[in-house]
Amino acid sequence: MASLEEIKENEFSLNIPRYVDTFEEEQVIDLAEVNKLLEQDKQEIAELEAKINEQLKILGIHV
């Protein structure tokens, strides 16, 4: 609860954020983990593209 003195100091503003901390910390992102996941994704994409190209060759479509 805010004291009457604190309310007077804030010129009788009853705006809640003046008296209550509503700040929420942002989640910390592990950039090393993100880079690791990106590299794994790139490798998986390359493997899938190779499989697709093999199937296309079987079908007679050259890429």
PDB file of N, CA and C in Angstrom:
ATOM      1  N   MET A   1       0.843  -1.183   0.000  1.00  0.00           N
ATOM      2  CA  MET A   1       0.000   0.000   0.000  1.00  0.00           C
ATOM      3  C   MET A   1       0.884   1.240   0.000  1.00  0.00           C
ATOM      4  N   ALA A   2       0.449   2.235  -0.703  1.00  0.00           N
ATOM      5  CA  ALA A   2       1.172   3.498  -0.766  1.00  0.00           C
ATOM      6  C   ALA A   2       0.714   4.397   0.376  1.00  0.00           C
ATOM      7  N   SER A   3       1.677   5.094   0.954  1.00  0.00           N
ATOM      8  CA  SER A   3       1.333   6.010   2.037  1.00  0.00           C
ATOM      9  C   SER A   3       0.750   7.289   1.448  1.00  0.00           C
ATOM     10  N   LEU A   4       0.077   8.055   2.300  1.00  0.00           N
ATOM     11  CA  LEU A   4      -0.495   9.328   1.866  1.00  0.00           C
ATOM     12  C   LEU A   4       0.611  10.274   1.396  1.00  0.00           C
ATOM     13  N   GLU A   5       1.773  10.219   2.042  1.00  0.00           N
ATOM     14  CA  GLU A   5       2.904  11.066   1.639  1.00  0.00           C
ATOM     15  C   GLU A   5       3.361  10.717   0.221  1.00  0.00           C
ATOM     16  N   GLU A   6       3.433   9.421  -0.075  1.00  0.00           N
ATOM     17  CA  GLU A   6       3.862   8.993  -1.408  1.00  0.00           C
ATOM     18  C   GLU A   6       2.852   9.444  -2.468  1.00  0.00           C
ATOM     19  N   ILE A   7       1.575   9.365  -2.128  1.00  0.00           N
ATOM     20  CA  ILE A   7       0.529   9.806  -3.049  1.00  0.00           C
ATOM     21  C   ILE A   7       0.639  11.318  -3.285  1.00  0.00           C
ATOM     22  N   LYS A   8       0.917  12.071  -2.228  1.00  0.00           N
ATOM     23  CA  LYS A   8       1.091  13.517  -2.363  1.00  0.00           C
ATOM     24  C   LYS A   8       2.302  13.830  -3.244  1.00  0.00           C
ATOM     25  N   GLU A   9       3.406  13.082  -3.047  1.00  0.00           N
ATOM     26  CA  GLU A   9       4.614  13.290  -3.841  1.00  0.00           C
ATOM     27  C   GLU A   9       4.343  13.079  -5.331  1.00  0.00           C
ATOM     28  N   ASN A  10       3.431  12.191  -5.627  1.00  0.00           N
ATOM     29  CA  ASN A  10       3.090  11.889  -7.021  1.00  0.00           C
ATOM     30  C   ASN A  10       1.895  12.710  -7.497  1.00  0.00           C
ATOM     31  N   GLU A  11       1.661  13.817  -6.826  1.00  0.00           N
ATOM     32  CA  GLU A  11       0.607  14.767  -7.189  1.00  0.00           C
ATOM     33  C   GLU A  11      -0.763  14.097  -7.274  1.00  0.00           C
ATOM     34  N   PHE A  12      -1.022  13.224  -6.326  1.00  0.00           N
ATOM     35  CA  PHE A  12      -2.317  12.531  -6.176  1.00  0.00           C
ATOM     36  C   PHE A  12      -2.681  11.660  -7.382  1.00  0.00           C
ATOM     37  N   SER A  13      -1.667  11.262  -8.123  1.00  0.00           N
ATOM     38  CA  SER A  13      -1.912  10.353  -9.251  1.00  0.00           C
ATOM     39  C   SER A  13      -2.129   8.956  -8.689  1.00  0.00           C
ATOM     40  N   LEU A  14      -3.195   8.315  -9.105  1.00  0.00           N
ATOM     41  CA  LEU A  14      -3.490   6.967  -8.636  1.00  0.00           C
ATOM     42  C   LEU A  14      -3.159   5.925  -9.716  1.00  0.00           C
ATOM     43  N   ASN A  15      -2.284   6.302 -10.600  1.00  0.00           N
ATOM     44  CA  ASN A  15      -1.840   5.403 -11.654  1.00  0.00           C
ATOM     45  C   ASN A  15      -1.059   4.251 -11.010  1.00  0.00           C
ATOM     46  N   ILE A  16      -1.550   3.044 -11.146  1.00  0.00           N
ATOM     47  CA  ILE A  16      -0.988   1.889 -10.451  1.00  0.00           C
ATOM     48  C   ILE A  16       0.508   1.692 -10.725  1.00  0.00           C
ATOM     49  N   PRO A  17       0.987   1.807 -11.966  1.00  0.00           N
ATOM     50  CA  PRO A  17       2.418   1.576 -12.193  1.00  0.00           C
ATOM     51  C   PRO A  17       3.340   2.501 -11.400  1.00  0.00           C
ATOM     52  N   ARG A  18       2.828   3.608 -10.908  1.00  0.00           N
ATOM     53  CA  ARG A  18       3.665   4.473 -10.062  1.00  0.00           C
ATOM     54  C   ARG A  18       3.990   3.804  -8.731  1.00  0.00           C
ATOM     55  N   TYR A  19       3.146   2.887  -8.300  1.00  0.00           N
ATOM     56  CA  TYR A  19       3.276   2.316  -6.963  1.00  0.00           C
ATOM     57  C   TYR A  19       3.610   0.823  -6.982  1.00  0.00           C
ATOM     58  N   VAL A  20       3.378   0.163  -8.107  1.00  0.00           N
ATOM     59  CA  VAL A  20       3.585  -1.278  -8.184  1.00  0.00           C
ATOM     60  C   VAL A  20       4.560  -1.574  -9.314  1.00  0.00           C
ATOM     61  N   ASP A  21       5.562  -2.363  -9.009  1.00  0.00           N
ATOM     62  CA  ASP A  21       6.522  -2.751 -10.026  1.00  0.00           C
ATOM     63  C   ASP A  21       5.913  -3.870 -10.862  1.00  0.00           C
ATOM     64  N   THR A  22       5.627  -3.578 -12.120  1.00  0.00           N
ATOM     65  CA  THR A  22       5.012  -4.572 -13.002  1.00  0.00           C
ATOM     66  C   THR A  22       6.023  -5.083 -14.032  1.00  0.00           C
ATOM     67  N   PHE A  23       7.286  -4.770 -13.841  1.00  0.00           N
ATOM     68  CA  PHE A  23       8.326  -5.164 -14.780  1.00  0.00           C
ATOM     69  C   PHE A  23       8.522  -6.671 -14.739  1.00  0.00           C
ATOM     70  N   GLU A  24       8.536  -7.293 -15.920  1.00  0.00           N
ATOM     71  CA  GLU A  24       8.829  -8.717 -16.020  1.00  0.00           C
ATOM     72  C   GLU A  24      10.123  -8.866 -16.807  1.00  0.00           C
ATOM     73  N   GLU A  25      11.048  -9.642 -16.247  1.00  0.00           N
ATOM     74  CA  GLU A  25      12.317  -9.845 -16.931  1.00  0.00           C
ATOM     75  C   GLU A  25      12.106 -10.665 -18.199  1.00  0.00           C
ATOM     76  N   GLU A  26      12.862 -10.299 -19.229  1.00  0.00           N
ATOM     77  CA  GLU A  26      12.803 -11.046 -20.477  1.00  0.00           C
ATOM     78  C   GLU A  26      13.614 -12.327 -20.327  1.00  0.00           C
ATOM     79  N   GLN A  27      13.163 -13.342 -21.036  1.00  0.00           N
ATOM     80  CA  GLN A  27      13.866 -14.608 -21.004  1.00  0.00           C
ATOM     81  C   GLN A  27      15.226 -14.448 -21.679  1.00  0.00           C
ATOM     82  N   VAL A  28      16.259 -15.001 -21.062  1.00  0.00           N
ATOM     83  CA  VAL A  28      17.603 -14.934 -21.617  1.00  0.00           C
ATOM     84  C   VAL A  28      17.723 -16.008 -22.697  1.00  0.00           C
ATOM     85  N   ILE A  29      18.211 -15.603 -23.856  1.00  0.00           N
ATOM     86  CA  ILE A  29      18.351 -16.527 -24.977  1.00  0.00           C
ATOM     87  C   ILE A  29      19.804 -16.980 -25.055  1.00  0.00           C
ATOM     88  N   ASP A  30      19.996 -18.292 -25.047  1.00  0.00           N
ATOM     89  CA  ASP A  30      21.330 -18.868 -25.159  1.00  0.00           C
ATOM     90  C   ASP A  30      21.713 -18.919 -26.630  1.00  0.00           C
ATOM     91  N   LEU A  31      22.525 -17.956 -27.070  1.00  0.00           N
ATOM     92  CA  LEU A  31      22.885 -17.848 -28.477  1.00  0.00           C
ATOM     93  C   LEU A  31      23.712 -19.033 -28.955  1.00  0.00           C
ATOM     94  N   ALA A  32      24.507 -19.602 -28.092  1.00  0.00           N
ATOM     95  CA  ALA A  32      25.288 -20.777 -28.473  1.00  0.00           C
ATOM     96  C   ALA A  32      24.348 -21.938 -28.801  1.00  0.00           C
ATOM     97  N   GLU A  33      23.316 -22.110 -28.010  1.00  0.00           N
ATOM     98  CA  GLU A  33      22.335 -23.171 -28.257  1.00  0.00           C
ATOM     99  C   GLU A  33      21.562 -22.897 -29.547  1.00  0.00           C
ATOM    100  N   VAL A  34      21.210 -21.650 -29.789  1.00  0.00           N
ATOM    101  CA  VAL A  34      20.499 -21.283 -31.011  1.00  0.00           C
ATOM    102  C   VAL A  34      21.361 -21.600 -32.234  1.00  0.00           C
ATOM    103  N   ASN A  35      22.651 -21.249 -32.187  1.00  0.00           N
ATOM    104  CA  ASN A  35      23.558 -21.543 -33.296  1.00  0.00           C
ATOM    105  C   ASN A  35      23.687 -23.046 -33.516  1.00  0.00           C
ATOM    106  N   LYS A  36      23.762 -23.808 -32.425  1.00  0.00           N
ATOM    107  CA  LYS A  36      23.857 -25.266 -32.526  1.00  0.00           C
ATOM    108  C   LYS A  36      22.614 -25.828 -33.211  1.00  0.00           C
ATOM    109  N   LEU A  37      21.445 -25.355 -32.828  1.00  0.00           N
ATOM    110  CA  LEU A  37      20.198 -25.823 -33.428  1.00  0.00           C
ATOM    111  C   LEU A  37      20.111 -25.438 -34.899  1.00  0.00           C
ATOM    112  N   LEU A  38      20.573 -24.245 -35.246  1.00  0.00           N
ATOM    113  CA  LEU A  38      20.579 -23.807 -36.642  1.00  0.00           C
ATOM    114  C   LEU A  38      21.479 -24.702 -37.496  1.00  0.00           C
ATOM    115  N   GLU A  39      22.636 -25.040 -36.973  1.00  0.00           N
ATOM    116  CA  GLU A  39      23.549 -25.919 -37.710  1.00  0.00           C
ATOM    117  C   GLU A  39      22.928 -27.300 -37.899  1.00  0.00           C
ATOM    118  N   GLN A  40      22.257 -27.803 -36.877  1.00  0.00           N
ATOM    119  CA  GLN A  40      21.577 -29.096 -36.997  1.00  0.00           C
ATOM    120  C   GLN A  40      20.487 -29.024 -38.062  1.00  0.00           C
ATOM    121  N   ASP A  41      19.739 -27.930 -38.070  1.00  0.00           N
ATOM    122  CA  ASP A  41      18.682 -27.751 -39.069  1.00  0.00           C
ATOM    123  C   ASP A  41      19.266 -27.696 -40.479  1.00  0.00           C
ATOM    124  N   LYS A  42      20.367 -26.962 -40.641  1.00  0.00           N
ATOM    125  CA  LYS A  42      21.007 -26.862 -41.953  1.00  0.00           C
ATOM    126  C   LYS A  42      21.452 -28.240 -42.443  1.00  0.00           C
ATOM    127  N   GLN A  43      22.014 -29.023 -41.540  1.00  0.00           N
ATOM    128  CA  GLN A  43      22.475 -30.357 -41.912  1.00  0.00           C
ATOM    129  C   GLN A  43      21.292 -31.244 -42.300  1.00  0.00           C
ATOM    130  N   GLU A  44      20.225 -31.181 -41.542  1.00  0.00           N
ATOM    131  CA  GLU A  44      19.035 -31.977 -41.838  1.00  0.00           C
ATOM    132  C   GLU A  44      18.431 -31.572 -43.191  1.00  0.00           C
ATOM    133  N   ILE A  45      18.395 -30.275 -43.464  1.00  0.00           N
ATOM    134  CA  ILE A  45      17.872 -29.790 -44.742  1.00  0.00           C
ATOM    135  C   ILE A  45      18.723 -30.324 -45.894  1.00  0.00           C
ATOM    136  N   ALA A  46      20.048 -30.285 -45.742  1.00  0.00           N
ATOM    137  CA  ALA A  46      20.945 -30.768 -46.795  1.00  0.00           C
ATOM    138  C   ALA A  46      20.712 -32.261 -47.046  1.00  0.00           C
ATOM    139  N   GLU A  47      20.548 -33.036 -45.974  1.00  0.00           N
ATOM    140  CA  GLU A  47      20.293 -34.472 -46.123  1.00  0.00           C
ATOM    141  C   GLU A  47      18.965 -34.720 -46.837  1.00  0.00           C
ATOM    142  N   LEU A  48      17.943 -33.975 -46.466  1.00  0.00           N
ATOM    143  CA  LEU A  48      16.634 -34.149 -47.102  1.00  0.00           C
ATOM    144  C   LEU A  48      16.663 -33.734 -48.571  1.00  0.00           C
ATOM    145  N   GLU A  49      17.366 -32.663 -48.875  1.00  0.00           N
ATOM    146  CA  GLU A  49      17.482 -32.231 -50.265  1.00  0.00           C
ATOM    147  C   GLU A  49      18.207 -33.287 -51.101  1.00  0.00           C
ATOM    148  N   ALA A  50      19.218 -33.929 -50.527  1.00  0.00           N
ATOM    149  CA  ALA A  50      19.941 -34.987 -51.241  1.00  0.00           C
ATOM    150  C   ALA A  50      18.997 -36.159 -51.525  1.00  0.00           C
ATOM    151  N   LYS A  51      18.181 -36.533 -50.549  1.00  0.00           N
ATOM    152  CA  LYS A  51      17.219 -37.625 -50.746  1.00  0.00           C
ATOM    153  C   LYS A  51      16.194 -37.255 -51.814  1.00  0.00           C
ATOM    154  N   ILE A  52      15.729 -36.031 -51.795  1.00  0.00           N
ATOM    155  CA  ILE A  52      14.755 -35.573 -52.799  1.00  0.00           C
ATOM    156  C   ILE A  52      15.380 -35.631 -54.183  1.00  0.00           C
ATOM    157  N   ASN A  53      16.634 -35.174 -54.313  1.00  0.00           N
ATOM    158  CA  ASN A  53      17.312 -35.196 -55.607  1.00  0.00           C
ATOM    159  C   ASN A  53      17.495 -36.630 -56.113  1.00  0.00           C
ATOM    160  N   GLU A  54      17.786 -37.571 -55.206  1.00  0.00           N
ATOM    161  CA  GLU A  54      17.900 -38.976 -55.592  1.00  0.00           C
ATOM    162  C   GLU A  54      16.570 -39.483 -56.154  1.00  0.00           C
ATOM    163  N   GLN A  55      15.480 -39.153 -55.489  1.00  0.00           N
ATOM    164  CA  GLN A  55      14.161 -39.584 -55.942  1.00  0.00           C
ATOM    165  C   GLN A  55      13.805 -38.957 -57.288  1.00  0.00           C
ATOM    166  N   LEU A  56      14.189 -37.714 -57.481  1.00  0.00           N
ATOM    167  CA  LEU A  56      13.915 -37.038 -58.749  1.00  0.00           C
ATOM    168  C   LEU A  56      14.691 -37.692 -59.888  1.00  0.00           C
ATOM    169  N   LYS A  57      15.941 -38.106 -59.606  1.00  0.00           N
ATOM    170  CA  LYS A  57      16.738 -38.786 -60.628  1.00  0.00           C
ATOM    171  C   LYS A  57      16.086 -40.106 -61.017  1.00  0.00           C
ATOM    172  N   ILE A  58      15.561 -40.831 -60.026  1.00  0.00           N
ATOM    173  CA  ILE A  58      14.864 -42.091 -60.297  1.00  0.00           C
ATOM    174  C   ILE A  58      13.663 -41.842 -61.207  1.00  0.00           C
ATOM    175  N   LEU A  59      13.003 -40.714 -61.008  1.00  0.00           N
ATOM    176  CA  LEU A  59      11.826 -40.358 -61.823  1.00  0.00           C
ATOM    177  C   LEU A  59      12.227 -39.774 -63.171  1.00  0.00           C
ATOM    178  N   GLY A  60      13.516 -39.589 -63.404  1.00  0.00           N
ATOM    179  CA  GLY A  60      13.982 -39.050 -64.671  1.00  0.00           C
ATOM    180  C   GLY A  60      14.007 -37.540 -64.724  1.00  0.00           C
ATOM    181  N   ILE A  61      13.914 -36.912 -63.600  1.00  0.00           N
ATOM    182  CA  ILE A  61      13.977 -35.441 -63.541  1.00  0.00           C
ATOM    183  C   ILE A  61      15.364 -35.060 -63.035  1.00  0.00           C
ATOM    184  N   HIS A  62      16.087 -34.338 -63.868  1.00  0.00           N
ATOM    185  CA  HIS A  62      17.453 -33.955 -63.486  1.00  0.00           C
ATOM    186  C   HIS A  62      17.440 -32.512 -62.988  1.00  0.00           C
ATOM    187  N   VAL A  63      18.057 -32.323 -61.846  1.00  0.00           N
ATOM    188  CA  VAL A  63      18.126 -30.983 -61.258  1.00  0.00           C
ATOM    189  C   VAL A  63      19.550 -30.487 -61.210  1.00  0.00           C
TER     190      VAL A  63
END
